[in-house]
Amino acid sequence: MPLAPATDSFRVSDAAARRLREILDEQPASPAGEPALRVSVEAGGCNGFQYKFALDGESQPDDIVIPAGTVRVVVDPASMDLLTGAELHFDDSLMGAHFTVRNPNAASSCGCGTSFSVE
């Protein structure tokens, strides 16, 4: 299993780790073990790139595993290039509750926070 990235790489906030723990506690037990939250960046969205979040029970050999309390977040190397220095956060506000990425590399983002562009 790959080592966790350096502290200046992608981080997971306490709020995101707590919410992911709640989500995983609601999942049925699996003989394959507990899934991780996969965070990826894909081309598309209204600003050029978009974040994707999914529970994934199978890590890939080149995944970067980020431990966050009792949960794990995995990121593929190509996505990590766009996430270095960013933080996964869980925002629970009047506008709704959702995972979001606080990304200092994003030159602009859409109103919903799932799409961004870089210069």
PDB file of N, CA and C in Angstrom:
ATOM      1  N   MET A   1       0.859  -1.185   0.000  1.00  0.00           N
ATOM      2  CA  MET A   1       0.000   0.000   0.000  1.00  0.00           C
ATOM      3  C   MET A   1       0.893   1.232   0.000  1.00  0.00           C
ATOM      4  N   PRO A   2       0.621   2.226  -0.873  1.00  0.00           N
ATOM      5  CA  PRO A   2       1.449   3.422  -0.945  1.00  0.00           C
ATOM      6  C   PRO A   2       1.403   4.207   0.357  1.00  0.00           C
ATOM      7  N   LEU A   3       2.452   4.938   0.576  1.00  0.00           N
ATOM      8  CA  LEU A   3       2.510   5.779   1.758  1.00  0.00           C
ATOM      9  C   LEU A   3       1.612   6.985   1.586  1.00  0.00           C
ATOM     10  N   ALA A   4       1.243   7.579   2.697  1.00  0.00           N
ATOM     11  CA  ALA A   4       0.450   8.805   2.645  1.00  0.00           C
ATOM     12  C   ALA A   4       1.310   9.909   2.047  1.00  0.00           C
ATOM     13  N   PRO A   5       0.702  10.848   1.329  1.00  0.00           N
ATOM     14  CA  PRO A   5       1.466  11.938   0.747  1.00  0.00           C
ATOM     15  C   PRO A   5       2.006  12.870   1.821  1.00  0.00           C
ATOM     16  N   ALA A   6       2.944  13.694   1.436  1.00  0.00           N
ATOM     17  CA  ALA A   6       3.512  14.673   2.360  1.00  0.00           C
ATOM     18  C   ALA A   6       2.422  15.616   2.839  1.00  0.00           C
ATOM     19  N   THR A   7       2.692  16.314   3.937  1.00  0.00           N
ATOM     20  CA  THR A   7       1.673  17.163   4.547  1.00  0.00           C
ATOM     21  C   THR A   7       1.240  18.313   3.649  1.00  0.00           C
ATOM     22  N   ASP A   8       2.049  18.684   2.629  1.00  0.00           N
ATOM     23  CA  ASP A   8       1.641  19.769   1.741  1.00  0.00           C
ATOM     24  C   ASP A   8       0.766  19.260   0.601  1.00  0.00           C
ATOM     25  N   SER A   9       0.471  17.958   0.597  1.00  0.00           N
ATOM     26  CA  SER A   9      -0.387  17.380  -0.428  1.00  0.00           C
ATOM     27  C   SER A   9      -1.840  17.459   0.000  1.00  0.00           C
ATOM     28  N   PHE A  10      -2.675  16.681  -0.642  1.00  0.00           N
ATOM     29  CA  PHE A  10      -4.110  16.680  -0.373  1.00  0.00           C
ATOM     30  C   PHE A  10      -4.399  16.274   1.066  1.00  0.00           C
ATOM     31  N   ARG A  11      -5.241  17.039   1.743  1.00  0.00           N
ATOM     32  CA  ARG A  11      -5.588  16.787   3.141  1.00  0.00           C
ATOM     33  C   ARG A  11      -7.090  16.533   3.269  1.00  0.00           C
ATOM     34  N   VAL A  12      -7.481  15.965   4.403  1.00  0.00           N
ATOM     35  CA  VAL A  12      -8.883  15.689   4.703  1.00  0.00           C
ATOM     36  C   VAL A  12      -9.217  16.408   6.012  1.00  0.00           C
ATOM     37  N   SER A  13     -10.232  17.267   5.983  1.00  0.00           N
ATOM     38  CA  SER A  13     -10.619  17.988   7.200  1.00  0.00           C
ATOM     39  C   SER A  13     -11.270  17.034   8.195  1.00  0.00           C
ATOM     40  N   ASP A  14     -11.304  17.448   9.451  1.00  0.00           N
ATOM     41  CA  ASP A  14     -11.963  16.645  10.485  1.00  0.00           C
ATOM     42  C   ASP A  14     -13.441  16.451  10.161  1.00  0.00           C
ATOM     43  N   ALA A  15     -14.094  17.499   9.633  1.00  0.00           N
ATOM     44  CA  ALA A  15     -15.524  17.405   9.295  1.00  0.00           C
ATOM     45  C   ALA A  15     -15.747  16.361   8.197  1.00  0.00           C
ATOM     46  N   ALA A  16     -14.860  16.319   7.201  1.00  0.00           N
ATOM     47  CA  ALA A  16     -14.991  15.337   6.117  1.00  0.00           C
ATOM     48  C   ALA A  16     -14.747  13.931   6.646  1.00  0.00           C
ATOM     49  N   ALA A  17     -13.763  13.758   7.505  1.00  0.00           N
ATOM     50  CA  ALA A  17     -13.479  12.437   8.078  1.00  0.00           C
ATOM     51  C   ALA A  17     -14.655  11.951   8.927  1.00  0.00           C
ATOM     52  N   ARG A  18     -15.249  12.845   9.718  1.00  0.00           N
ATOM     53  CA  ARG A  18     -16.407  12.463  10.553  1.00  0.00           C
ATOM     54  C   ARG A  18     -17.590  12.046   9.688  1.00  0.00           C
ATOM     55  N   ARG A  19     -17.881  12.821   8.641  1.00  0.00           N
ATOM     56  CA  ARG A  19     -19.029  12.494   7.779  1.00  0.00           C
ATOM     57  C   ARG A  19     -18.790  11.199   7.013  1.00  0.00           C
ATOM     58  N   LEU A  20     -17.579  10.993   6.542  1.00  0.00           N
ATOM     59  CA  LEU A  20     -17.268   9.738   5.865  1.00  0.00           C
ATOM     60  C   LEU A  20     -17.421   8.560   6.823  1.00  0.00           C
ATOM     61  N   ARG A  21     -17.019   8.725   8.076  1.00  0.00           N
ATOM     62  CA  ARG A  21     -17.192   7.653   9.069  1.00  0.00           C
ATOM     63  C   ARG A  21     -18.686   7.341   9.244  1.00  0.00           C
ATOM     64  N   GLU A  22     -19.521   8.376   9.303  1.00  0.00           N
ATOM     65  CA  GLU A  22     -20.970   8.170   9.426  1.00  0.00           C
ATOM     66  C   GLU A  22     -21.520   7.404   8.228  1.00  0.00           C
ATOM     67  N   ILE A  23     -21.085   7.776   7.031  1.00  0.00           N
ATOM     68  CA  ILE A  23     -21.546   7.106   5.811  1.00  0.00           C
ATOM     69  C   ILE A  23     -21.124   5.641   5.823  1.00  0.00           C
ATOM     70  N   LEU A  24     -19.879   5.382   6.167  1.00  0.00           N
ATOM     71  CA  LEU A  24     -19.371   4.006   6.169  1.00  0.00           C
ATOM     72  C   LEU A  24     -20.057   3.159   7.234  1.00  0.00           C
ATOM     73  N   ASP A  25     -20.395   3.764   8.356  1.00  0.00           N
ATOM     74  CA  ASP A  25     -21.089   3.018   9.418  1.00  0.00           C
ATOM     75  C   ASP A  25     -22.479   2.574   8.979  1.00  0.00           C
ATOM     76  N   GLU A  26     -23.060   3.261   7.996  1.00  0.00           N
ATOM     77  CA  GLU A  26     -24.387   2.900   7.483  1.00  0.00           C
ATOM     78  C   GLU A  26     -24.325   1.832   6.391  1.00  0.00           C
ATOM     79  N   GLN A  27     -23.113   1.509   5.905  1.00  0.00           N
ATOM     80  CA  GLN A  27     -22.949   0.528   4.833  1.00  0.00           C
ATOM     81  C   GLN A  27     -22.982  -0.893   5.404  1.00  0.00           C
ATOM     82  N   PRO A  28     -23.518  -1.855   4.647  1.00  0.00           N
ATOM     83  CA  PRO A  28     -23.460  -3.240   5.112  1.00  0.00           C
ATOM     84  C   PRO A  28     -22.016  -3.734   5.113  1.00  0.00           C
ATOM     85  N   ALA A  29     -21.721  -4.640   6.032  1.00  0.00           N
ATOM     86  CA  ALA A  29     -20.371  -5.204   6.115  1.00  0.00           C
ATOM     87  C   ALA A  29     -20.057  -5.966   4.831  1.00  0.00           C
ATOM     88  N   SER A  30     -18.803  -5.904   4.443  1.00  0.00           N
ATOM     89  CA  SER A  30     -18.366  -6.583   3.227  1.00  0.00           C
ATOM     90  C   SER A  30     -17.149  -7.443   3.545  1.00  0.00           C
ATOM     91  N   PRO A  31     -17.094  -8.658   2.990  1.00  0.00           N
ATOM     92  CA  PRO A  31     -15.909  -9.486   3.229  1.00  0.00           C
ATOM     93  C   PRO A  31     -14.641  -8.879   2.628  1.00  0.00           C
ATOM     94  N   ALA A  32     -14.795  -7.984   1.656  1.00  0.00           N
ATOM     95  CA  ALA A  32     -13.643  -7.336   1.022  1.00  0.00           C
ATOM     96  C   ALA A  32     -13.055  -6.238   1.898  1.00  0.00           C
ATOM     97  N   GLY A  33     -13.728  -5.911   2.994  1.00  0.00           N
ATOM     98  CA  GLY A  33     -13.250  -4.845   3.871  1.00  0.00           C
ATOM     99  C   GLY A  33     -13.973  -3.541   3.627  1.00  0.00           C
ATOM    100  N   GLU A  34     -13.641  -2.565   4.409  1.00  0.00           N
ATOM    101  CA  GLU A  34     -14.311  -1.275   4.338  1.00  0.00           C
ATOM    102  C   GLU A  34     -13.827  -0.481   3.123  1.00  0.00           C
ATOM    103  N   PRO A  35     -14.748   0.103   2.369  1.00  0.00           N
ATOM    104  CA  PRO A  35     -14.325   0.907   1.217  1.00  0.00           C
ATOM    105  C   PRO A  35     -13.687   2.222   1.658  1.00  0.00           C
ATOM    106  N   ALA A  36     -13.030   2.851   0.721  1.00  0.00           N
ATOM    107  CA  ALA A  36     -12.459   4.180   0.925  1.00  0.00           C
ATOM    108  C   ALA A  36     -13.262   5.158   0.080  1.00  0.00           C
ATOM    109  N   LEU A  37     -13.127   6.427   0.371  1.00  0.00           N
ATOM    110  CA  LEU A  37     -13.725   7.446  -0.478  1.00  0.00           C
ATOM    111  C   LEU A  37     -12.717   7.784  -1.570  1.00  0.00           C
ATOM    112  N   ARG A  38     -13.105   7.546  -2.820  1.00  0.00           N
ATOM    113  CA  ARG A  38     -12.246   7.900  -3.948  1.00  0.00           C
ATOM    114  C   ARG A  38     -12.592   9.324  -4.373  1.00  0.00           C
ATOM    115  N   VAL A  39     -11.569  10.179  -4.393  1.00  0.00           N
ATOM    116  CA  VAL A  39     -11.702  11.539  -4.886  1.00  0.00           C
ATOM    117  C   VAL A  39     -10.918  11.590  -6.188  1.00  0.00           C
ATOM    118  N   SER A  40     -11.582  12.009  -7.249  1.00  0.00           N
ATOM    119  CA  SER A  40     -10.901  12.102  -8.536  1.00  0.00           C
ATOM    120  C   SER A  40     -11.288  13.398  -9.229  1.00  0.00           C
ATOM    121  N   VAL A  41     -10.470  13.761 -10.192  1.00  0.00           N
ATOM    122  CA  VAL A  41     -10.719  14.943 -11.007  1.00  0.00           C
ATOM    123  C   VAL A  41     -10.849  14.462 -12.441  1.00  0.00           C
ATOM    124  N   GLU A  42     -11.925  14.868 -13.092  1.00  0.00           N
ATOM    125  CA  GLU A  42     -12.175  14.475 -14.475  1.00  0.00           C
ATOM    126  C   GLU A  42     -12.393  15.717 -15.333  1.00  0.00           C
ATOM    127  N   ALA A  43     -12.106  15.581 -16.600  1.00  0.00           N
ATOM    128  CA  ALA A  43     -12.380  16.675 -17.533  1.00  0.00           C
ATOM    129  C   ALA A  43     -13.888  16.826 -17.662  1.00  0.00           C
ATOM    130  N   GLY A  44     -14.359  18.046 -17.738  1.00  0.00           N
ATOM    131  CA  GLY A  44     -15.785  18.300 -17.886  1.00  0.00           C
ATOM    132  C   GLY A  44     -16.271  19.335 -16.898  1.00  0.00           C
ATOM    133  N   GLY A  45     -17.553  19.400 -16.716  1.00  0.00           N
ATOM    134  CA  GLY A  45     -18.138  20.407 -15.840  1.00  0.00           C
ATOM    135  C   GLY A  45     -18.170  21.752 -16.535  1.00  0.00           C
ATOM    136  N   CYS A  46     -18.717  22.728 -15.875  1.00  0.00           N
ATOM    137  CA  CYS A  46     -18.889  24.030 -16.509  1.00  0.00           C
ATOM    138  C   CYS A  46     -17.608  24.863 -16.521  1.00  0.00           C
ATOM    139  N   ASN A  47     -16.544  24.406 -15.845  1.00  0.00           N
ATOM    140  CA  ASN A  47     -15.296  25.167 -15.809  1.00  0.00           C
ATOM    141  C   ASN A  47     -14.081  24.399 -16.309  1.00  0.00           C
ATOM    142  N   GLY A  48     -14.249  23.212 -16.859  1.00  0.00           N
ATOM    143  CA  GLY A  48     -13.110  22.488 -17.417  1.00  0.00           C
ATOM    144  C   GLY A  48     -12.774  21.202 -16.693  1.00  0.00           C
ATOM    145  N   PHE A  49     -12.837  21.203 -15.366  1.00  0.00           N
ATOM    146  CA  PHE A  49     -12.597  20.012 -14.560  1.00  0.00           C
ATOM    147  C   PHE A  49     -13.719  19.883 -13.549  1.00  0.00           C
ATOM    148  N   GLN A  50     -13.970  18.638 -13.104  1.00  0.00           N
ATOM    149  CA  GLN A  50     -14.968  18.441 -12.054  1.00  0.00           C
ATOM    150  C   GLN A  50     -14.480  17.382 -11.077  1.00  0.00           C
ATOM    151  N   TYR A  51     -14.866  17.561  -9.829  1.00  0.00           N
ATOM    152  CA  TYR A  51     -14.532  16.603  -8.781  1.00  0.00           C
ATOM    153  C   TYR A  51     -15.552  15.469  -8.799  1.00  0.00           C
ATOM    154  N   LYS A  52     -15.082  14.267  -8.539  1.00  0.00           N
ATOM    155  CA  LYS A  52     -15.954  13.099  -8.399  1.00  0.00           C
ATOM    156  C   LYS A  52     -15.654  12.460  -7.057  1.00  0.00           C
ATOM    157  N   PHE A  53     -16.708  12.029  -6.358  1.00  0.00           N
ATOM    158  CA  PHE A  53     -16.587  11.360  -5.066  1.00  0.00           C
ATOM    159  C   PHE A  53     -17.357  10.052  -5.148  1.00  0.00           C
ATOM    160  N   ALA A  54     -16.725   8.947  -4.746  1.00  0.00           N
ATOM    161  CA  ALA A  54     -17.405   7.651  -4.780  1.00  0.00           C
ATOM    162  C   ALA A  54     -16.773   6.717  -3.760  1.00  0.00           C
ATOM    163  N   LEU A  55     -17.596   5.879  -3.144  1.00  0.00           N
ATOM    164  CA  LEU A  55     -17.054   4.832  -2.291  1.00  0.00           C
ATOM    165  C   LEU A  55     -16.459   3.767  -3.195  1.00  0.00           C
ATOM    166  N   ASP A  56     -15.269   3.312  -2.863  1.00  0.00           N
ATOM    167  CA  ASP A  56     -14.561   2.349  -3.704  1.00  0.00           C
ATOM    168  C   ASP A  56     -13.925   1.289  -2.814  1.00  0.00           C
ATOM    169  N   GLY A  57     -14.297   0.047  -3.034  1.00  0.00           N
ATOM    170  CA  GLY A  57     -13.766  -1.066  -2.248  1.00  0.00           C
ATOM    171  C   GLY A  57     -12.471  -1.624  -2.783  1.00  0.00           C
ATOM    172  N   GLU A  58     -12.032  -1.151  -3.947  1.00  0.00           N
ATOM    173  CA  GLU A  58     -10.819  -1.693  -4.557  1.00  0.00           C
ATOM    174  C   GLU A  58      -9.823  -0.584  -4.858  1.00  0.00           C
ATOM    175  N   SER A  59      -8.741  -0.557  -4.105  1.00  0.00           N
ATOM    176  CA  SER A  59      -7.675   0.399  -4.387  1.00  0.00           C
ATOM    177  C   SER A  59      -6.843  -0.118  -5.545  1.00  0.00           C
ATOM    178  N   GLN A  60      -6.341   0.796  -6.348  1.00  0.00           N
ATOM    179  CA  GLN A  60      -5.462   0.467  -7.454  1.00  0.00           C
ATOM    180  C   GLN A  60      -4.013   0.531  -6.965  1.00  0.00           C
ATOM    181  N   PRO A  61      -3.103  -0.206  -7.610  1.00  0.00           N
ATOM    182  CA  PRO A  61      -1.715  -0.235  -7.133  1.00  0.00           C
ATOM    183  C   PRO A  61      -1.046   1.135  -7.052  1.00  0.00           C
ATOM    184  N   ASP A  62      -1.418   2.065  -7.934  1.00  0.00           N
ATOM    185  CA  ASP A  62      -0.771   3.376  -7.922  1.00  0.00           C
ATOM    186  C   ASP A  62      -1.557   4.440  -7.153  1.00  0.00           C
ATOM    187  N   ASP A  63      -2.658   4.047  -6.493  1.00  0.00           N
ATOM    188  CA  ASP A  63      -3.432   5.000  -5.697  1.00  0.00           C
ATOM    189  C   ASP A  63      -2.603   5.570  -4.553  1.00  0.00           C
ATOM    190  N   ILE A  64      -2.868   6.804  -4.237  1.00  0.00           N
ATOM    191  CA  ILE A  64      -2.293   7.446  -3.066  1.00  0.00           C
ATOM    192  C   ILE A  64      -3.351   7.343  -1.977  1.00  0.00           C
ATOM    193  N   VAL A  65      -2.993   6.714  -0.873  1.00  0.00           N
ATOM    194  CA  VAL A  65      -3.926   6.480   0.228  1.00  0.00           C
ATOM    195  C   VAL A  65      -3.682   7.535   1.297  1.00  0.00           C
ATOM    196  N   ILE A  66      -4.754   8.216   1.671  1.00  0.00           N
ATOM    197  CA  ILE A  66      -4.671   9.272   2.667  1.00  0.00           C
ATOM    198  C   ILE A  66      -5.480   8.838   3.882  1.00  0.00           C
ATOM    199  N   PRO A  67      -4.816   8.436   4.972  1.00  0.00           N
ATOM    200  CA  PRO A  67      -5.552   8.079   6.178  1.00  0.00           C
ATOM    201  C   PRO A  67      -6.127   9.335   6.827  1.00  0.00           C
ATOM    202  N   ALA A  68      -7.362   9.225   7.310  1.00  0.00           N
ATOM    203  CA  ALA A  68      -8.026  10.359   7.969  1.00  0.00           C
ATOM    204  C   ALA A  68      -8.805   9.815   9.157  1.00  0.00           C
ATOM    205  N   GLY A  69      -8.180   9.774  10.295  1.00  0.00           N
ATOM    206  CA  GLY A  69      -8.823   9.173  11.465  1.00  0.00           C
ATOM    207  C   GLY A  69      -8.999   7.687  11.225  1.00  0.00           C
ATOM    208  N   THR A  70     -10.240   7.217  11.273  1.00  0.00           N
ATOM    209  CA  THR A  70     -10.523   5.791  11.081  1.00  0.00           C
ATOM    210  C   THR A  70     -10.963   5.474   9.661  1.00  0.00           C
ATOM    211  N   VAL A  71     -10.859   6.432   8.749  1.00  0.00           N
ATOM    212  CA  VAL A  71     -11.280   6.224   7.359  1.00  0.00           C
ATOM    213  C   VAL A  71     -10.094   6.486   6.426  1.00  0.00           C
ATOM    214  N   ARG A  72     -10.311   6.113   5.146  1.00  0.00           N
ATOM    215  CA  ARG A  72      -9.281   6.335   4.138  1.00  0.00           C
ATOM    216  C   ARG A  72      -9.887   7.047   2.938  1.00  0.00           C
ATOM    217  N   VAL A  73      -9.074   7.898   2.341  1.00  0.00           N
ATOM    218  CA  VAL A  73      -9.412   8.550   1.086  1.00  0.00           C
ATOM    219  C   VAL A  73      -8.340   8.119   0.094  1.00  0.00           C
ATOM    220  N   VAL A  74      -8.748   7.767  -1.127  1.00  0.00           N
ATOM    221  CA  VAL A  74      -7.780   7.388  -2.156  1.00  0.00           C
ATOM    222  C   VAL A  74      -7.892   8.337  -3.341  1.00  0.00           C
ATOM    223  N   VAL A  75      -6.735   8.616  -3.933  1.00  0.00           N
ATOM    224  CA  VAL A  75      -6.655   9.526  -5.073  1.00  0.00           C
ATOM    225  C   VAL A  75      -5.688   8.921  -6.084  1.00  0.00           C
ATOM    226  N   ASP A  76      -6.069   8.934  -7.348  1.00  0.00           N
ATOM    227  CA  ASP A  76      -5.164   8.453  -8.388  1.00  0.00           C
ATOM    228  C   ASP A  76      -4.101   9.522  -8.653  1.00  0.00           C
ATOM    229  N   PRO A  77      -2.924   9.126  -9.157  1.00  0.00           N
ATOM    230  CA  PRO A  77      -1.833  10.093  -9.356  1.00  0.00           C
ATOM    231  C   PRO A  77      -2.185  11.261 -10.285  1.00  0.00           C
ATOM    232  N   ALA A  78      -2.933  11.021 -11.356  1.00  0.00           N
ATOM    233  CA  ALA A  78      -3.285  12.111 -12.268  1.00  0.00           C
ATOM    234  C   ALA A  78      -4.158  13.150 -11.564  1.00  0.00           C
ATOM    235  N   SER A  79      -5.102  12.698 -10.751  1.00  0.00           N
ATOM    236  CA  SER A  79      -5.950  13.629  -9.999  1.00  0.00           C
ATOM    237  C   SER A  79      -5.139  14.368  -8.943  1.00  0.00           C
ATOM    238  N   MET A  80      -4.172  13.673  -8.332  1.00  0.00           N
ATOM    239  CA  MET A  80      -3.364  14.302  -7.280  1.00  0.00           C
ATOM    240  C   MET A  80      -2.611  15.509  -7.814  1.00  0.00           C
ATOM    241  N   ASP A  81      -2.223  15.477  -9.094  1.00  0.00           N
ATOM    242  CA  ASP A  81      -1.542  16.634  -9.683  1.00  0.00           C
ATOM    243  C   ASP A  81      -2.391  17.900  -9.565  1.00  0.00           C
ATOM    244  N   LEU A  82      -3.713  17.758  -9.637  1.00  0.00           N
ATOM    245  CA  LEU A  82      -4.613  18.914  -9.551  1.00  0.00           C
ATOM    246  C   LEU A  82      -5.123  19.162  -8.129  1.00  0.00           C
ATOM    247  N   LEU A  83      -4.804  18.244  -7.199  1.00  0.00           N
ATOM    248  CA  LEU A  83      -5.294  18.360  -5.826  1.00  0.00           C
ATOM    249  C   LEU A  83      -4.201  18.703  -4.817  1.00  0.00           C
ATOM    250  N   THR A  84      -2.957  18.764  -5.249  1.00  0.00           N
ATOM    251  CA  THR A  84      -1.864  19.067  -4.319  1.00  0.00           C
ATOM    252  C   THR A  84      -2.107  20.406  -3.637  1.00  0.00           C
ATOM    253  N   GLY A  85      -2.045  20.412  -2.326  1.00  0.00           N
ATOM    254  CA  GLY A  85      -2.281  21.618  -1.540  1.00  0.00           C
ATOM    255  C   GLY A  85      -3.736  21.857  -1.195  1.00  0.00           C
ATOM    256  N   ALA A  86      -4.643  21.010  -1.714  1.00  0.00           N
ATOM    257  CA  ALA A  86      -6.082  21.183  -1.481  1.00  0.00           C
ATOM    258  C   ALA A  86      -6.533  20.388  -0.254  1.00  0.00           C
ATOM    259  N   GLU A  87      -7.783  20.625   0.145  1.00  0.00           N
ATOM    260  CA  GLU A  87      -8.354  19.933   1.297  1.00  0.00           C
ATOM    261  C   GLU A  87      -9.777  19.472   0.983  1.00  0.00           C
ATOM    262  N   LEU A  88     -10.047  18.202   1.280  1.00  0.00           N
ATOM    263  CA  LEU A  88     -11.406  17.685   1.208  1.00  0.00           C
ATOM    264  C   LEU A  88     -12.126  18.135   2.469  1.00  0.00           C
ATOM    265  N   HIS A  89     -13.312  18.715   2.300  1.00  0.00           N
ATOM    266  CA  HIS A  89     -14.071  19.213   3.440  1.00  0.00           C
ATOM    267  C   HIS A  89     -15.521  18.776   3.288  1.00  0.00           C
ATOM    268  N   PHE A  90     -16.240  18.695   4.389  1.00  0.00           N
ATOM    269  CA  PHE A  90     -17.670  18.443   4.347  1.00  0.00           C
ATOM    270  C   PHE A  90     -18.355  19.696   4.841  1.00  0.00           C
ATOM    271  N   ASP A  91     -19.183  20.269   3.984  1.00  0.00           N
ATOM    272  CA  ASP A  91     -19.876  21.515   4.283  1.00  0.00           C
ATOM    273  C   ASP A  91     -21.337  21.209   4.574  1.00  0.00           C
ATOM    274  N   ASP A  92     -21.792  21.575   5.737  1.00  0.00           N
ATOM    275  CA  ASP A  92     -23.181  21.363   6.130  1.00  0.00           C
ATOM    276  C   ASP A  92     -23.763  22.735   6.472  1.00  0.00           C
ATOM    277  N   SER A  93     -24.447  23.328   5.491  1.00  0.00           N
ATOM    278  CA  SER A  93     -24.955  24.691   5.657  1.00  0.00           C
ATOM    279  C   SER A  93     -26.399  24.764   5.182  1.00  0.00           C
ATOM    280  N   LEU A  94     -26.959  25.946   5.213  1.00  0.00           N
ATOM    281  CA  LEU A  94     -28.329  26.143   4.745  1.00  0.00           C
ATOM    282  C   LEU A  94     -28.465  25.822   3.259  1.00  0.00           C
ATOM    283  N   MET A  95     -27.368  25.918   2.526  1.00  0.00           N
ATOM    284  CA  MET A  95     -27.384  25.631   1.091  1.00  0.00           C
ATOM    285  C   MET A  95     -27.349  24.126   0.815  1.00  0.00           C
ATOM    286  N   GLY A  96     -27.144  23.325   1.851  1.00  0.00           N
ATOM    287  CA  GLY A  96     -27.098  21.876   1.680  1.00  0.00           C
ATOM    288  C   GLY A  96     -25.850  21.292   2.311  1.00  0.00           C
ATOM    289  N   ALA A  97     -25.806  19.981   2.359  1.00  0.00           N
ATOM    290  CA  ALA A  97     -24.671  19.275   2.932  1.00  0.00           C
ATOM    291  C   ALA A  97     -23.992  18.480   1.821  1.00  0.00           C
ATOM    292  N   HIS A  98     -22.675  18.660   1.697  1.00  0.00           N
ATOM    293  CA  HIS A  98     -21.954  17.969   0.634  1.00  0.00           C
ATOM    294  C   HIS A  98     -20.446  18.026   0.873  1.00  0.00           C
ATOM    295  N   PHE A  99     -19.745  17.067   0.250  1.00  0.00           N
ATOM    296  CA  PHE A  99     -18.293  17.119   0.241  1.00  0.00           C
ATOM    297  C   PHE A  99     -17.882  18.197  -0.751  1.00  0.00           C
ATOM    298  N   THR A 100     -16.823  18.905  -0.425  1.00  0.00           N
ATOM    299  CA  THR A 100     -16.291  19.936  -1.301  1.00  0.00           C
ATOM    300  C   THR A 100     -14.769  19.919  -1.209  1.00  0.00           C
ATOM    301  N   VAL A 101     -14.126  20.478  -2.189  1.00  0.00           N
ATOM    302  CA  VAL A 101     -12.672  20.567  -2.184  1.00  0.00           C
ATOM    303  C   VAL A 101     -12.286  22.036  -2.126  1.00  0.00           C
ATOM    304  N   ARG A 102     -11.498  22.361  -1.134  1.00  0.00           N
ATOM    305  CA  ARG A 102     -10.933  23.709  -1.027  1.00  0.00           C
ATOM    306  C   ARG A 102      -9.594  23.643  -1.754  1.00  0.00           C
ATOM    307  N   ASN A 103      -9.554  24.182  -2.973  1.00  0.00           N
ATOM    308  CA  ASN A 103      -8.406  23.982  -3.840  1.00  0.00           C
ATOM    309  C   ASN A 103      -7.740  25.317  -4.191  1.00  0.00           C
ATOM    310  N   PRO A 104      -6.551  25.583  -3.641  1.00  0.00           N
ATOM    311  CA  PRO A 104      -5.870  26.842  -3.970  1.00  0.00           C
ATOM    312  C   PRO A 104      -5.368  26.873  -5.413  1.00  0.00           C
ATOM    313  N   ASN A 105      -5.349  25.734  -6.094  1.00  0.00           N
ATOM    314  CA  ASN A 105      -4.904  25.686  -7.494  1.00  0.00           C
ATOM    315  C   ASN A 105      -5.996  26.116  -8.461  1.00  0.00           C
ATOM    316  N   ALA A 106      -7.239  26.166  -8.006  1.00  0.00           N
ATOM    317  CA  ALA A 106      -8.366  26.503  -8.883  1.00  0.00           C
ATOM    318  C   ALA A 106      -8.377  28.005  -9.154  1.00  0.00           C
ATOM    319  N   ALA A 107      -8.330  28.363 -10.426  1.00  0.00           N
ATOM    320  CA  ALA A 107      -8.388  29.777 -10.808  1.00  0.00           C
ATOM    321  C   ALA A 107      -9.816  30.293 -10.706  1.00  0.00           C
ATOM    322  N   SER A 108     -10.795  29.422 -10.968  1.00  0.00           N
ATOM    323  CA  SER A 108     -12.209  29.777 -10.825  1.00  0.00           C
ATOM    324  C   SER A 108     -12.982  28.497 -10.561  1.00  0.00           C
ATOM    325  N   SER A 109     -14.188  28.655 -10.021  1.00  0.00           N
ATOM    326  CA  SER A 109     -15.037  27.494  -9.776  1.00  0.00           C
ATOM    327  C   SER A 109     -16.483  27.897  -9.992  1.00  0.00           C
ATOM    328  N   CYS A 110     -17.337  26.880 -10.133  1.00  0.00           N
ATOM    329  CA  CYS A 110     -18.747  27.151 -10.345  1.00  0.00           C
ATOM    330  C   CYS A 110     -19.440  27.368  -9.004  1.00  0.00           C
ATOM    331  N   GLY A 111     -20.672  27.793  -9.057  1.00  0.00           N
ATOM    332  CA  GLY A 111     -21.425  28.057  -7.833  1.00  0.00           C
ATOM    333  C   GLY A 111     -21.640  26.829  -6.976  1.00  0.00           C
ATOM    334  N   CYS A 112     -21.757  25.653  -7.589  1.00  0.00           N
ATOM    335  CA  CYS A 112     -22.011  24.444  -6.812  1.00  0.00           C
ATOM    336  C   CYS A 112     -20.740  23.866  -6.218  1.00  0.00           C
ATOM    337  N   GLY A 113     -19.560  24.340  -6.656  1.00  0.00           N
ATOM    338  CA  GLY A 113     -18.296  23.907  -6.068  1.00  0.00           C
ATOM    339  C   GLY A 113     -17.781  22.567  -6.556  1.00  0.00           C
ATOM    340  N   THR A 114     -18.399  21.977  -7.581  1.00  0.00           N
ATOM    341  CA  THR A 114     -17.908  20.692  -8.071  1.00  0.00           C
ATOM    342  C   THR A 114     -17.132  20.827  -9.365  1.00  0.00           C
ATOM    343  N   SER A 115     -17.055  22.023  -9.924  1.00  0.00           N
ATOM    344  CA  SER A 115     -16.364  22.252 -11.184  1.00  0.00           C
ATOM    345  C   SER A 115     -15.376  23.392 -10.998  1.00  0.00           C
ATOM    346  N   PHE A 116     -14.195  23.293 -11.644  1.00  0.00           N
ATOM    347  CA  PHE A 116     -13.202  24.331 -11.493  1.00  0.00           C
ATOM    348  C   PHE A 116     -12.310  24.410 -12.713  1.00  0.00           C
ATOM    349  N   SER A 117     -11.534  25.462 -12.805  1.00  0.00           N
ATOM    350  CA  SER A 117     -10.560  25.603 -13.883  1.00  0.00           C
ATOM    351  C   SER A 117      -9.224  25.965 -13.273  1.00  0.00           C
ATOM    352  N   VAL A 118      -8.155  25.729 -14.029  1.00  0.00           N
ATOM    353  CA  VAL A 118      -6.800  26.109 -13.610  1.00  0.00           C
ATOM    354  C   VAL A 118      -6.196  26.946 -14.721  1.00  0.00           C
ATOM    355  N   GLU A 119      -5.211  27.757 -14.359  1.00  0.00           N
ATOM    356  CA  GLU A 119      -4.541  28.588 -15.372  1.00  0.00           C
ATOM    357  C   GLU A 119      -3.336  27.875 -15.907  1.00  0.00           C
TER     358      GLU A 119
END
